[in-house]
PDB file of N, CA and C in Angstrom:
ATOM      1  N   MET A   1    -240.117 -61.571 -72.352  1.00  0.00           N
ATOM      2  CA  MET A   1    -239.400 -62.805 -72.489  1.00  0.00           C
ATOM      3  C   MET A   1    -238.048 -62.529 -73.143  1.00  0.00           C
ATOM      4  N   LYS A   2    -237.012 -63.144 -72.646  1.00  0.00           N
ATOM      5  CA  LYS A   2    -235.671 -62.917 -73.168  1.00  0.00           C
ATOM      6  C   LYS A   2    -235.339 -63.940 -74.256  1.00  0.00           C
ATOM      7  N   THR A   3    -234.478 -63.521 -75.169  1.00  0.00           N
ATOM      8  CA  THR A   3    -234.043 -64.373 -76.270  1.00  0.00           C
ATOM      9  C   THR A   3    -232.547 -64.624 -76.134  1.00  0.00           C
ATOM     10  N   LEU A   4    -232.140 -65.867 -76.239  1.00  0.00           N
ATOM     11  CA  LEU A   4    -230.724 -66.190 -76.209  1.00  0.00           C
ATOM     12  C   LEU A   4    -230.072 -65.695 -77.490  1.00  0.00           C
ATOM     13  N   LEU A   5    -228.903 -65.099 -77.362  1.00  0.00           N
ATOM     14  CA  LEU A   5    -228.194 -64.546 -78.511  1.00  0.00           C
ATOM     15  C   LEU A   5    -227.513 -65.663 -79.282  1.00  0.00           C
ATOM     16  N   LEU A   6    -227.732 -65.679 -80.594  1.00  0.00           N
ATOM     17  CA  LEU A   6    -227.156 -66.697 -81.463  1.00  0.00           C
ATOM     18  C   LEU A   6    -226.134 -66.072 -82.406  1.00  0.00           C
ATOM     19  N   THR A   7    -225.109 -66.851 -82.773  1.00  0.00           N
ATOM     20  CA  THR A   7    -224.141 -66.353 -83.755  1.00  0.00           C
ATOM     21  C   THR A   7    -224.838 -66.243 -85.099  1.00  0.00           C
ATOM     22  N   THR A   8    -224.420 -65.304 -85.903  1.00  0.00           N
ATOM     23  CA  THR A   8    -225.082 -65.090 -87.183  1.00  0.00           C
ATOM     24  C   THR A   8    -224.648 -66.087 -88.246  1.00  0.00           C
ATOM     25  N   ASP A   9    -223.492 -66.708 -88.075  1.00  0.00           N
ATOM     26  CA  ASP A   9    -223.018 -67.630 -89.115  1.00  0.00           C
ATOM     27  C   ASP A   9    -223.415 -69.082 -88.865  1.00  0.00           C
ATOM     28  N   THR A  10    -223.391 -69.544 -87.616  1.00  0.00           N
ATOM     29  CA  THR A  10    -223.697 -70.949 -87.333  1.00  0.00           C
ATOM     30  C   THR A  10    -224.977 -71.135 -86.528  1.00  0.00           C
ATOM     31  N   TRP A  11    -225.573 -70.060 -86.075  1.00  0.00           N
ATOM     32  CA  TRP A  11    -226.824 -70.078 -85.308  1.00  0.00           C
ATOM     33  C   TRP A  11    -226.664 -70.861 -84.010  1.00  0.00           C
ATOM     34  N   ASP A  12    -225.463 -70.777 -83.427  1.00  0.00           N
ATOM     35  CA  ASP A  12    -225.158 -71.407 -82.147  1.00  0.00           C
ATOM     36  C   ASP A  12    -225.250 -70.375 -81.031  1.00  0.00           C
ATOM     37  N   LEU A  13    -225.339 -70.869 -79.790  1.00  0.00           N
ATOM     38  CA  LEU A  13    -225.370 -69.984 -78.639  1.00  0.00           C
ATOM     39  C   LEU A  13    -224.066 -69.210 -78.516  1.00  0.00           C
ATOM     40  N   MET A  14    -224.162 -68.013 -77.979  1.00  0.00           N
ATOM     41  CA  MET A  14    -222.984 -67.189 -77.725  1.00  0.00           C
ATOM     42  C   MET A  14    -222.815 -67.039 -76.223  1.00  0.00           C
ATOM     43  N   VAL A  15    -221.626 -66.672 -75.810  1.00  0.00           N
ATOM     44  CA  VAL A  15    -221.378 -66.388 -74.402  1.00  0.00           C
ATOM     45  C   VAL A  15    -221.021 -64.914 -74.251  1.00  0.00           C
ATOM     46  N   ASP A  16    -221.330 -64.376 -73.073  1.00  0.00           N
ATOM     47  CA  ASP A  16    -220.981 -62.983 -72.801  1.00  0.00           C
ATOM     48  C   ASP A  16    -219.554 -62.928 -72.253  1.00  0.00           C
ATOM     49  N   PRO A  17    -219.012 -61.753 -71.987  1.00  0.00           N
ATOM     50  CA  PRO A  17    -217.638 -61.649 -71.490  1.00  0.00           C
ATOM     51  C   PRO A  17    -217.378 -62.406 -70.184  1.00  0.00           C
ATOM     52  N   SER A  18    -218.423 -62.662 -69.409  1.00  0.00           N
ATOM     53  CA  SER A  18    -218.266 -63.396 -68.150  1.00  0.00           C
ATOM     54  C   SER A  18    -218.335 -64.908 -68.332  1.00  0.00           C
ATOM     55  N   GLY A  19    -218.584 -65.357 -69.550  1.00  0.00           N
ATOM     56  CA  GLY A  19    -218.689 -66.793 -69.813  1.00  0.00           C
ATOM     57  C   GLY A  19    -220.091 -67.348 -69.667  1.00  0.00           C
ATOM     58  N   ASN A  20    -221.069 -66.483 -69.431  1.00  0.00           N
ATOM     59  CA  ASN A  20    -222.460 -66.914 -69.334  1.00  0.00           C
ATOM     60  C   ASN A  20    -223.102 -66.936 -70.715  1.00  0.00           C
ATOM     61  N   ILE A  21    -224.179 -67.702 -70.850  1.00  0.00           N
ATOM     62  CA  ILE A  21    -224.906 -67.689 -72.119  1.00  0.00           C
ATOM     63  C   ILE A  21    -225.445 -66.284 -72.340  1.00  0.00           C
ATOM     64  N   ALA A  22    -225.175 -65.730 -73.505  1.00  0.00           N
ATOM     65  CA  ALA A  22    -225.549 -64.348 -73.806  1.00  0.00           C
ATOM     66  C   ALA A  22    -227.031 -64.236 -74.139  1.00  0.00           C
ATOM     67  N   VAL A  23    -227.592 -63.099 -73.783  1.00  0.00           N
ATOM     68  CA  VAL A  23    -228.988 -62.782 -74.065  1.00  0.00           C
ATOM     69  C   VAL A  23    -228.997 -61.617 -75.049  1.00  0.00           C
ATOM     70  N   ALA A  24    -229.881 -61.691 -76.036  1.00  0.00           N
ATOM     71  CA  ALA A  24    -229.974 -60.636 -77.048  1.00  0.00           C
ATOM     72  C   ALA A  24    -230.579 -59.376 -76.458  1.00  0.00           C
ATOM     73  N   ASP A  25    -230.130 -58.236 -76.957  1.00  0.00           N
ATOM     74  CA  ASP A  25    -230.731 -56.961 -76.571  1.00  0.00           C
ATOM     75  C   ASP A  25    -232.180 -56.948 -77.051  1.00  0.00           C
ATOM     76  N   PRO A  26    -233.057 -56.271 -76.321  1.00  0.00           N
ATOM     77  CA  PRO A  26    -234.465 -56.228 -76.735  1.00  0.00           C
ATOM     78  C   PRO A  26    -234.653 -55.710 -78.163  1.00  0.00           C
ATOM     79  N   SER A  27    -233.820 -54.779 -78.596  1.00  0.00           N
ATOM     80  CA  SER A  27    -233.962 -54.233 -79.945  1.00  0.00           C
ATOM     81  C   SER A  27    -233.638 -55.264 -81.022  1.00  0.00           C
ATOM     82  N   TYR A  28    -232.759 -56.209 -80.729  1.00  0.00           N
ATOM     83  CA  TYR A  28    -232.357 -57.219 -81.708  1.00  0.00           C
ATOM     84  C   TYR A  28    -233.155 -58.514 -81.560  1.00  0.00           C
ATOM     85  N   SER A  29    -233.672 -58.785 -80.378  1.00  0.00           N
ATOM     86  CA  SER A  29    -234.313 -60.081 -80.122  1.00  0.00           C
ATOM     87  C   SER A  29    -235.526 -60.314 -81.001  1.00  0.00           C
ATOM     88  N   LEU A  30    -236.298 -59.286 -81.293  1.00  0.00           N
ATOM     89  CA  LEU A  30    -237.473 -59.447 -82.139  1.00  0.00           C
ATOM     90  C   LEU A  30    -237.067 -59.894 -83.544  1.00  0.00           C
ATOM     91  N   ALA A  31    -236.019 -59.284 -84.086  1.00  0.00           N
ATOM     92  CA  ALA A  31    -235.546 -59.663 -85.425  1.00  0.00           C
ATOM     93  C   ALA A  31    -234.957 -61.067 -85.418  1.00  0.00           C
ATOM     94  N   GLN A  32    -234.203 -61.412 -84.386  1.00  0.00           N
ATOM     95  CA  GLN A  32    -233.625 -62.758 -84.318  1.00  0.00           C
ATOM     96  C   GLN A  32    -234.729 -63.810 -84.187  1.00  0.00           C
ATOM     97  N   ASP A  33    -235.769 -63.517 -83.409  1.00  0.00           N
ATOM     98  CA  ASP A  33    -236.891 -64.446 -83.284  1.00  0.00           C
ATOM     99  C   ASP A  33    -237.600 -64.624 -84.625  1.00  0.00           C
ATOM    100  N   ALA A  34    -237.719 -63.542 -85.389  1.00  0.00           N
ATOM    101  CA  ALA A  34    -238.333 -63.635 -86.716  1.00  0.00           C
ATOM    102  C   ALA A  34    -237.461 -64.479 -87.646  1.00  0.00           C
ATOM    103  N   ALA A  35    -236.144 -64.299 -87.591  1.00  0.00           N
ATOM    104  CA  ALA A  35    -235.240 -65.109 -88.401  1.00  0.00           C
ATOM    105  C   ALA A  35    -235.331 -66.578 -88.007  1.00  0.00           C
ATOM    106  N   SER A  36    -235.492 -66.852 -86.717  1.00  0.00           N
ATOM    107  CA  SER A  36    -235.664 -68.235 -86.267  1.00  0.00           C
ATOM    108  C   SER A  36    -236.959 -68.822 -86.806  1.00  0.00           C
ATOM    109  N   ALA A  37    -238.013 -68.020 -86.848  1.00  0.00           N
ATOM    110  CA  ALA A  37    -239.288 -68.490 -87.400  1.00  0.00           C
ATOM    111  C   ALA A  37    -239.141 -68.819 -88.884  1.00  0.00           C
ATOM    112  N   ILE A  38    -238.328 -68.059 -89.589  1.00  0.00           N
ATOM    113  CA  ILE A  38    -238.097 -68.316 -91.011  1.00  0.00           C
ATOM    114  C   ILE A  38    -237.306 -69.604 -91.208  1.00  0.00           C
ATOM    115  N   ARG A  39    -236.434 -69.923 -90.288  1.00  0.00           N
ATOM    116  CA  ARG A  39    -235.624 -71.142 -90.398  1.00  0.00           C
ATOM    117  C   ARG A  39    -236.366 -72.397 -89.941  1.00  0.00           C
ATOM    118  N   LEU A  40    -237.561 -72.234 -89.379  1.00  0.00           N
ATOM    119  CA  LEU A  40    -238.321 -73.355 -88.838  1.00  0.00           C
ATOM    120  C   LEU A  40    -239.036 -74.129 -89.947  1.00  0.00           C
ATOM    121  N   PHE A  41    -238.758 -75.432 -90.028  1.00  0.00           N
ATOM    122  CA  PHE A  41    -239.449 -76.300 -90.971  1.00  0.00           C
ATOM    123  C   PHE A  41    -240.826 -76.647 -90.408  1.00  0.00           C
ATOM    124  N   GLN A  42    -241.834 -76.671 -91.256  1.00  0.00           N
ATOM    125  CA  GLN A  42    -243.170 -77.045 -90.804  1.00  0.00           C
ATOM    126  C   GLN A  42    -243.134 -78.461 -90.241  1.00  0.00           C
ATOM    127  N   GLY A  43    -243.715 -78.630 -89.053  1.00  0.00           N
ATOM    128  CA  GLY A  43    -243.719 -79.924 -88.388  1.00  0.00           C
ATOM    129  C   GLY A  43    -242.565 -80.126 -87.430  1.00  0.00           C
ATOM    130  N   GLU A  44    -241.596 -79.234 -87.439  1.00  0.00           N
ATOM    131  CA  GLU A  44    -240.405 -79.376 -86.604  1.00  0.00           C
ATOM    132  C   GLU A  44    -240.652 -78.962 -85.154  1.00  0.00           C
ATOM    133  N   LEU A  45    -241.572 -78.057 -84.917  1.00  0.00           N
ATOM    134  CA  LEU A  45    -241.860 -77.576 -83.572  1.00  0.00           C
ATOM    135  C   LEU A  45    -242.802 -78.575 -82.906  1.00  0.00           C
ATOM    136  N   TYR A  46    -242.269 -79.356 -81.973  1.00  0.00           N
ATOM    137  CA  TYR A  46    -242.999 -80.508 -81.465  1.00  0.00           C
ATOM    138  C   TYR A  46    -244.315 -80.164 -80.771  1.00  0.00           C
ATOM    139  N   TYR A  47    -244.430 -78.982 -80.172  1.00  0.00           N
ATOM    140  CA  TYR A  47    -245.668 -78.647 -79.470  1.00  0.00           C
ATOM    141  C   TYR A  47    -246.686 -77.938 -80.360  1.00  0.00           C
ATOM    142  N   ASP A  48    -246.317 -77.573 -81.589  1.00  0.00           N
ATOM    143  CA  ASP A  48    -247.252 -77.001 -82.552  1.00  0.00           C
ATOM    144  C   ASP A  48    -246.721 -77.265 -83.957  1.00  0.00           C
ATOM    145  N   THR A  49    -247.057 -78.418 -84.491  1.00  0.00           N
ATOM    146  CA  THR A  49    -246.514 -78.826 -85.788  1.00  0.00           C
ATOM    147  C   THR A  49    -247.113 -78.060 -86.963  1.00  0.00           C
ATOM    148  N   THR A  50    -248.072 -77.186 -86.704  1.00  0.00           N
ATOM    149  CA  THR A  50    -248.634 -76.377 -87.789  1.00  0.00           C
ATOM    150  C   THR A  50    -247.755 -75.181 -88.109  1.00  0.00           C
ATOM    151  N   GLN A  51    -246.879 -74.803 -87.175  1.00  0.00           N
ATOM    152  CA  GLN A  51    -246.005 -73.655 -87.413  1.00  0.00           C
ATOM    153  C   GLN A  51    -244.834 -74.044 -88.315  1.00  0.00           C
ATOM    154  N   GLY A  52    -244.252 -73.063 -88.948  1.00  0.00           N
ATOM    155  CA  GLY A  52    -243.080 -73.283 -89.793  1.00  0.00           C
ATOM    156  C   GLY A  52    -243.417 -73.130 -91.263  1.00  0.00           C
ATOM    157  N   ILE A  53    -242.389 -73.210 -92.055  1.00  0.00           N
ATOM    158  CA  ILE A  53    -242.501 -73.060 -93.507  1.00  0.00           C
ATOM    159  C   ILE A  53    -242.484 -74.447 -94.133  1.00  0.00           C
ATOM    160  N   PRO A  54    -243.355 -74.708 -95.110  1.00  0.00           N
ATOM    161  CA  PRO A  54    -243.389 -76.031 -95.740  1.00  0.00           C
ATOM    162  C   PRO A  54    -242.222 -76.226 -96.726  1.00  0.00           C
ATOM    163  N   TYR A  55    -241.028 -76.247 -96.165  1.00  0.00           N
ATOM    164  CA  TYR A  55    -239.840 -76.391 -97.017  1.00  0.00           C
ATOM    165  C   TYR A  55    -239.877 -77.694 -97.813  1.00  0.00           C
ATOM    166  N   PHE A  56    -240.192 -78.810 -97.172  1.00  0.00           N
ATOM    167  CA  PHE A  56    -240.184 -80.096 -97.869  1.00  0.00           C
ATOM    168  C   PHE A  56    -241.247 -80.144 -98.962  1.00  0.00           C
ATOM    169  N   GLU A  57    -242.422 -79.594 -98.692  1.00  0.00           N
ATOM    170  CA  GLU A  57    -243.529 -79.686 -99.638  1.00  0.00           C
ATOM    171  C   GLU A  57    -243.479 -78.640-100.748  1.00  0.00           C
ATOM    172  N   GLN A  58    -243.002 -77.442-100.450  1.00  0.00           N
ATOM    173  CA  GLN A  58    -243.130 -76.330-101.391  1.00  0.00           C
ATOM    174  C   GLN A  58    -241.824 -75.736-101.911  1.00  0.00           C
ATOM    175  N   ILE A  59    -240.703 -75.963-101.223  1.00  0.00           N
ATOM    176  CA  ILE A  59    -239.487 -75.239-101.595  1.00  0.00           C
ATOM    177  C   ILE A  59    -238.356 -76.175-101.999  1.00  0.00           C
ATOM    178  N   LEU A  60    -237.968 -77.100-101.121  1.00  0.00           N
ATOM    179  CA  LEU A  60    -236.847 -77.987-101.419  1.00  0.00           C
ATOM    180  C   LEU A  60    -237.195 -78.923-102.578  1.00  0.00           C
ATOM    181  N   GLY A  61    -236.301 -79.025-103.533  1.00  0.00           N
ATOM    182  CA  GLY A  61    -236.535 -79.868-104.703  1.00  0.00           C
ATOM    183  C   GLY A  61    -237.429 -79.218-105.737  1.00  0.00           C
ATOM    184  N   GLN A  62    -237.840 -78.009-105.490  1.00  0.00           N
ATOM    185  CA  GLN A  62    -238.690 -77.251-106.401  1.00  0.00           C
ATOM    186  C   GLN A  62    -237.890 -76.062-106.929  1.00  0.00           C
ATOM    187  N   ALA A  63    -238.520 -75.304-107.762  1.00  0.00           N
ATOM    188  CA  ALA A  63    -237.941 -74.038-108.211  1.00  0.00           C
ATOM    189  C   ALA A  63    -238.966 -72.942-107.961  1.00  0.00           C
ATOM    190  N   PRO A  64    -239.231 -72.652-106.671  1.00  0.00           N
ATOM    191  CA  PRO A  64    -240.286 -71.675-106.369  1.00  0.00           C
ATOM    192  C   PRO A  64    -239.879 -70.260-106.761  1.00  0.00           C
ATOM    193  N   ALA A  65    -240.881 -69.471-107.043  1.00  0.00           N
ATOM    194  CA  ALA A  65    -240.632 -68.064-107.332  1.00  0.00           C
ATOM    195  C   ALA A  65    -240.141 -67.371-106.059  1.00  0.00           C
ATOM    196  N   LEU A  66    -239.277 -66.407-106.226  1.00  0.00           N
ATOM    197  CA  LEU A  66    -238.786 -65.657-105.065  1.00  0.00           C
ATOM    198  C   LEU A  66    -239.930 -64.979-104.318  1.00  0.00           C
ATOM    199  N   SER A  67    -240.950 -64.565-105.042  1.00  0.00           N
ATOM    200  CA  SER A  67    -242.090 -63.914-104.397  1.00  0.00           C
ATOM    201  C   SER A  67    -242.816 -64.884-103.469  1.00  0.00           C
ATOM    202  N   LEU A  68    -242.894 -66.163-103.833  1.00  0.00           N
ATOM    203  CA  LEU A  68    -243.515 -67.163-102.962  1.00  0.00           C
ATOM    204  C   LEU A  68    -242.683 -67.366-101.706  1.00  0.00           C
ATOM    205  N   MET A  69    -241.378 -67.461-101.879  1.00  0.00           N
ATOM    206  CA  MET A  69    -240.505 -67.639-100.730  1.00  0.00           C
ATOM    207  C   MET A  69    -240.601 -66.436 -99.785  1.00  0.00           C
ATOM    208  N   LYS A  70    -240.580 -65.238-100.332  1.00  0.00           N
ATOM    209  CA  LYS A  70    -240.692 -64.039 -99.500  1.00  0.00           C
ATOM    210  C   LYS A  70    -242.033 -64.011 -98.768  1.00  0.00           C
ATOM    211  N   ALA A  71    -243.092 -64.434 -99.428  1.00  0.00           N
ATOM    212  CA  ALA A  71    -244.408 -64.464 -98.781  1.00  0.00           C
ATOM    213  C   ALA A  71    -244.391 -65.424 -97.596  1.00  0.00           C
ATOM    214  N   TYR A  72    -243.817 -66.610 -97.770  1.00  0.00           N
ATOM    215  CA  TYR A  72    -243.687 -67.555 -96.661  1.00  0.00           C
ATOM    216  C   TYR A  72    -242.842 -66.960 -95.536  1.00  0.00           C
ATOM    217  N   PHE A  73    -241.722 -66.329 -95.893  1.00  0.00           N
ATOM    218  CA  PHE A  73    -240.824 -65.758 -94.893  1.00  0.00           C
ATOM    219  C   PHE A  73    -241.508 -64.631 -94.119  1.00  0.00           C
ATOM    220  N   ASN A  74    -242.199 -63.747 -94.825  1.00  0.00           N
ATOM    221  CA  ASN A  74    -242.897 -62.645 -94.157  1.00  0.00           C
ATOM    222  C   ASN A  74    -243.990 -63.172 -93.232  1.00  0.00           C
ATOM    223  N   ARG A  75    -244.744 -64.170 -93.699  1.00  0.00           N
ATOM    224  CA  ARG A  75    -245.804 -64.747 -92.876  1.00  0.00           C
ATOM    225  C   ARG A  75    -245.224 -65.386 -91.618  1.00  0.00           C
ATOM    226  N   ALA A  76    -244.096 -66.071 -91.757  1.00  0.00           N
ATOM    227  CA  ALA A  76    -243.451 -66.688 -90.591  1.00  0.00           C
ATOM    228  C   ALA A  76    -242.985 -65.623 -89.605  1.00  0.00           C
ATOM    229  N   ALA A  77    -242.417 -64.532 -90.099  1.00  0.00           N
ATOM    230  CA  ALA A  77    -241.945 -63.459 -89.217  1.00  0.00           C
ATOM    231  C   ALA A  77    -243.097 -62.828 -88.449  1.00  0.00           C
ATOM    232  N   LEU A  78    -244.253 -62.749 -89.070  1.00  0.00           N
ATOM    233  CA  LEU A  78    -245.411 -62.144 -88.411  1.00  0.00           C
ATOM    234  C   LEU A  78    -245.992 -63.021 -87.300  1.00  0.00           C
ATOM    235  N   THR A  79    -245.558 -64.271 -87.197  1.00  0.00           N
ATOM    236  CA  THR A  79    -246.019 -65.138 -86.103  1.00  0.00           C
ATOM    237  C   THR A  79    -245.325 -64.816 -84.784  1.00  0.00           C
ATOM    238  N   VAL A  80    -244.267 -64.029 -84.835  1.00  0.00           N
ATOM    239  CA  VAL A  80    -243.521 -63.676 -83.624  1.00  0.00           C
ATOM    240  C   VAL A  80    -244.297 -62.598 -82.865  1.00  0.00           C
ATOM    241  N   PRO A  81    -244.615 -62.846 -81.593  1.00  0.00           N
ATOM    242  CA  PRO A  81    -245.336 -61.832 -80.809  1.00  0.00           C
ATOM    243  C   PRO A  81    -244.558 -60.521 -80.763  1.00  0.00           C
ATOM    244  N   GLY A  82    -245.242 -59.432 -81.062  1.00  0.00           N
ATOM    245  CA  GLY A  82    -244.625 -58.114 -81.043  1.00  0.00           C
ATOM    246  C   GLY A  82    -244.274 -57.584 -82.426  1.00  0.00           C
ATOM    247  N   VAL A  83    -244.238 -58.447 -83.425  1.00  0.00           N
ATOM    248  CA  VAL A  83    -243.944 -58.009 -84.794  1.00  0.00           C
ATOM    249  C   VAL A  83    -245.242 -57.544 -85.438  1.00  0.00           C
ATOM    250  N   VAL A  84    -245.258 -56.288 -85.908  1.00  0.00           N
ATOM    251  CA  VAL A  84    -246.455 -55.771 -86.573  1.00  0.00           C
ATOM    252  C   VAL A  84    -246.301 -55.738 -88.088  1.00  0.00           C
ATOM    253  N   SER A  85    -245.069 -55.692 -88.573  1.00  0.00           N
ATOM    254  CA  SER A  85    -244.830 -55.805 -90.012  1.00  0.00           C
ATOM    255  C   SER A  85    -243.438 -56.390 -90.230  1.00  0.00           C
ATOM    256  N   ALA A  86    -243.294 -57.042 -91.374  1.00  0.00           N
ATOM    257  CA  ALA A  86    -242.012 -57.684 -91.698  1.00  0.00           C
ATOM    258  C   ALA A  86    -241.746 -57.568 -93.186  1.00  0.00           C
ATOM    259  N   GLN A  87    -240.481 -57.453 -93.504  1.00  0.00           N
ATOM    260  CA  GLN A  87    -240.044 -57.417 -94.893  1.00  0.00           C
ATOM    261  C   GLN A  87    -238.779 -58.256 -94.996  1.00  0.00           C
ATOM    262  N   THR A  88    -238.730 -59.124 -95.991  1.00  0.00           N
ATOM    263  CA  THR A  88    -237.555 -59.976 -96.161  1.00  0.00           C
ATOM    264  C   THR A  88    -236.843 -59.635 -97.459  1.00  0.00           C
ATOM    265  N   PHE A  89    -235.543 -59.840 -97.426  1.00  0.00           N
ATOM    266  CA  PHE A  89    -234.685 -59.604 -98.578  1.00  0.00           C
ATOM    267  C   PHE A  89    -233.842 -60.852 -98.788  1.00  0.00           C
ATOM    268  N   ILE A  90    -233.908 -61.425 -99.966  1.00  0.00           N
ATOM    269  CA  ILE A  90    -233.094 -62.594-100.281  1.00  0.00           C
ATOM    270  C   ILE A  90    -231.810 -62.093-100.917  1.00  0.00           C
ATOM    271  N   GLN A  91    -230.683 -62.396-100.257  1.00  0.00           N
ATOM    272  CA  GLN A  91    -229.393 -61.911-100.735  1.00  0.00           C
ATOM    273  C   GLN A  91    -228.749 -62.874-101.712  1.00  0.00           C
ATOM    274  N   SER A  92    -228.879 -64.178-101.468  1.00  0.00           N
ATOM    275  CA  SER A  92    -228.313 -65.140-102.410  1.00  0.00           C
ATOM    276  C   SER A  92    -229.070 -66.448-102.329  1.00  0.00           C
ATOM    277  N   TRP A  93    -228.993 -67.192-103.416  1.00  0.00           N
ATOM    278  CA  TRP A  93    -229.605 -68.511-103.508  1.00  0.00           C
ATOM    279  C   TRP A  93    -228.648 -69.365-104.332  1.00  0.00           C
ATOM    280  N   THR A  94    -227.684 -69.950-103.643  1.00  0.00           N
ATOM    281  CA  THR A  94    -226.679 -70.765-104.314  1.00  0.00           C
ATOM    282  C   THR A  94    -226.510 -72.094-103.595  1.00  0.00           C
ATOM    283  N   ASP A  95    -226.229 -73.126-104.373  1.00  0.00           N
ATOM    284  CA  ASP A  95    -226.008 -74.458-103.810  1.00  0.00           C
ATOM    285  C   ASP A  95    -227.104 -74.848-102.819  1.00  0.00           C
ATOM    286  N   ARG A  96    -228.338 -74.599-103.188  1.00  0.00           N
ATOM    287  CA  ARG A  96    -229.509 -74.953-102.374  1.00  0.00           C
ATOM    288  C   ARG A  96    -229.540 -74.263-101.018  1.00  0.00           C
ATOM    289  N   THR A  97    -228.822 -73.147-100.889  1.00  0.00           N
ATOM    290  CA  THR A  97    -228.811 -72.380 -99.648  1.00  0.00           C
ATOM    291  C   THR A  97    -229.325 -70.972 -99.929  1.00  0.00           C
ATOM    292  N   VAL A  98    -230.339 -70.594 -99.181  1.00  0.00           N
ATOM    293  CA  VAL A  98    -230.902 -69.253 -99.304  1.00  0.00           C
ATOM    294  C   VAL A  98    -230.443 -68.441 -98.101  1.00  0.00           C
ATOM    295  N   THR A  99    -229.884 -67.278 -98.355  1.00  0.00           N
ATOM    296  CA  THR A  99    -229.517 -66.366 -97.277  1.00  0.00           C
ATOM    297  C   THR A  99    -230.199 -65.035 -97.531  1.00  0.00           C
ATOM    298  N   GLY A 100    -230.455 -64.341 -96.452  1.00  0.00           N
ATOM    299  CA  GLY A 100    -231.112 -63.057 -96.591  1.00  0.00           C
ATOM    300  C   GLY A 100    -231.223 -62.349 -95.271  1.00  0.00           C
ATOM    301  N   GLN A 101    -232.114 -61.382 -95.249  1.00  0.00           N
ATOM    302  CA  GLN A 101    -232.315 -60.567 -94.062  1.00  0.00           C
ATOM    303  C   GLN A 101    -233.804 -60.331 -93.870  1.00  0.00           C
ATOM    304  N   VAL A 102    -234.213 -60.328 -92.625  1.00  0.00           N
ATOM    305  CA  VAL A 102    -235.579 -59.957 -92.280  1.00  0.00           C
ATOM    306  C   VAL A 102    -235.522 -58.670 -91.478  1.00  0.00           C
ATOM    307  N   GLN A 103    -236.382 -57.728 -91.849  1.00  0.00           N
ATOM    308  CA  GLN A 103    -236.521 -56.480 -91.109  1.00  0.00           C
ATOM    309  C   GLN A 103    -237.919 -56.463 -90.519  1.00  0.00           C
ATOM    310  N   VAL A 104    -237.991 -56.235 -89.211  1.00  0.00           N
ATOM    311  CA  VAL A 104    -239.285 -56.246 -88.534  1.00  0.00           C
ATOM    312  C   VAL A 104    -239.524 -54.911 -87.845  1.00  0.00           C
ATOM    313  N   LYS A 105    -240.803 -54.599 -87.698  1.00  0.00           N
ATOM    314  CA  LYS A 105    -241.201 -53.373 -87.006  1.00  0.00           C
ATOM    315  C   LYS A 105    -242.107 -53.765 -85.843  1.00  0.00           C
ATOM    316  N   ASP A 106    -241.871 -53.131 -84.690  1.00  0.00           N
ATOM    317  CA  ASP A 106    -242.732 -53.384 -83.537  1.00  0.00           C
ATOM    318  C   ASP A 106    -243.814 -52.303 -83.453  1.00  0.00           C
ATOM    319  N   ALA A 107    -244.687 -52.408 -82.445  1.00  0.00           N
ATOM    320  CA  ALA A 107    -245.807 -51.485 -82.309  1.00  0.00           C
ATOM    321  C   ALA A 107    -245.362 -50.043 -82.093  1.00  0.00           C
ATOM    322  N   ALA A 108    -244.170 -49.849 -81.518  1.00  0.00           N
ATOM    323  CA  ALA A 108    -243.658 -48.496 -81.300  1.00  0.00           C
ATOM    324  C   ALA A 108    -242.991 -47.903 -82.543  1.00  0.00           C
ATOM    325  N   GLY A 109    -242.922 -48.691 -83.619  1.00  0.00           N
ATOM    326  CA  GLY A 109    -242.304 -48.226 -84.852  1.00  0.00           C
ATOM    327  C   GLY A 109    -240.824 -48.485 -84.947  1.00  0.00           C
ATOM    328  N   ASN A 110    -240.244 -49.184 -83.981  1.00  0.00           N
ATOM    329  CA  ASN A 110    -238.819 -49.515 -84.013  1.00  0.00           C
ATOM    330  C   ASN A 110    -238.581 -50.602 -85.049  1.00  0.00           C
ATOM    331  N   ILE A 111    -237.528 -50.442 -85.835  1.00  0.00           N
ATOM    332  CA  ILE A 111    -237.180 -51.413 -86.865  1.00  0.00           C
ATOM    333  C   ILE A 111    -235.865 -52.078 -86.486  1.00  0.00           C
ATOM    334  N   SER A 112    -235.829 -53.392 -86.593  1.00  0.00           N
ATOM    335  CA  SER A 112    -234.579 -54.134 -86.355  1.00  0.00           C
ATOM    336  C   SER A 112    -234.457 -55.195 -87.433  1.00  0.00           C
ATOM    337  N   ALA A 113    -233.246 -55.671 -87.635  1.00  0.00           N
ATOM    338  CA  ALA A 113    -232.980 -56.619 -88.709  1.00  0.00           C
ATOM    339  C   ALA A 113    -232.065 -57.732 -88.231  1.00  0.00           C
ATOM    340  N   ALA A 114    -232.222 -58.892 -88.854  1.00  0.00           N
ATOM    341  CA  ALA A 114    -231.356 -60.037 -88.583  1.00  0.00           C
ATOM    342  C   ALA A 114    -231.264 -60.871 -89.852  1.00  0.00           C
ATOM    343  N   GLY A 115    -230.141 -61.545 -89.996  1.00  0.00           N
ATOM    344  CA  GLY A 115    -229.957 -62.413 -91.146  1.00  0.00           C
ATOM    345  C   GLY A 115    -230.571 -63.780 -90.907  1.00  0.00           C
ATOM    346  N   PHE A 116    -230.847 -64.453 -92.005  1.00  0.00           N
ATOM    347  CA  PHE A 116    -231.325 -65.843 -91.921  1.00  0.00           C
ATOM    348  C   PHE A 116    -230.614 -66.692 -92.931  1.00  0.00           C
TER     349      PHE A 116
END
């Protein structure tokens, strides 16, 4: 399955040099899909409202430990088909915005990373 390539700053679709919607390289698509899973609010995915992170219930308006947030992020990344292990790094937490990076490993041992 192909993944549409998203910009890293606004998470919008990108276009290729021909003006078509860009598709992510297979090496990057797994990491981008994991980052998308981390950005998913629980209940937001209309066909499976059990998926996502409980941002409203557990994170927003709270002061959760970074270890709890990383655990949620890693668990979300592992829901992506093809990801066998995941590790997240929180780079900053300012003005109620968390930024970081997820690194994922596939069954062949390839590691790729994407920001969230």
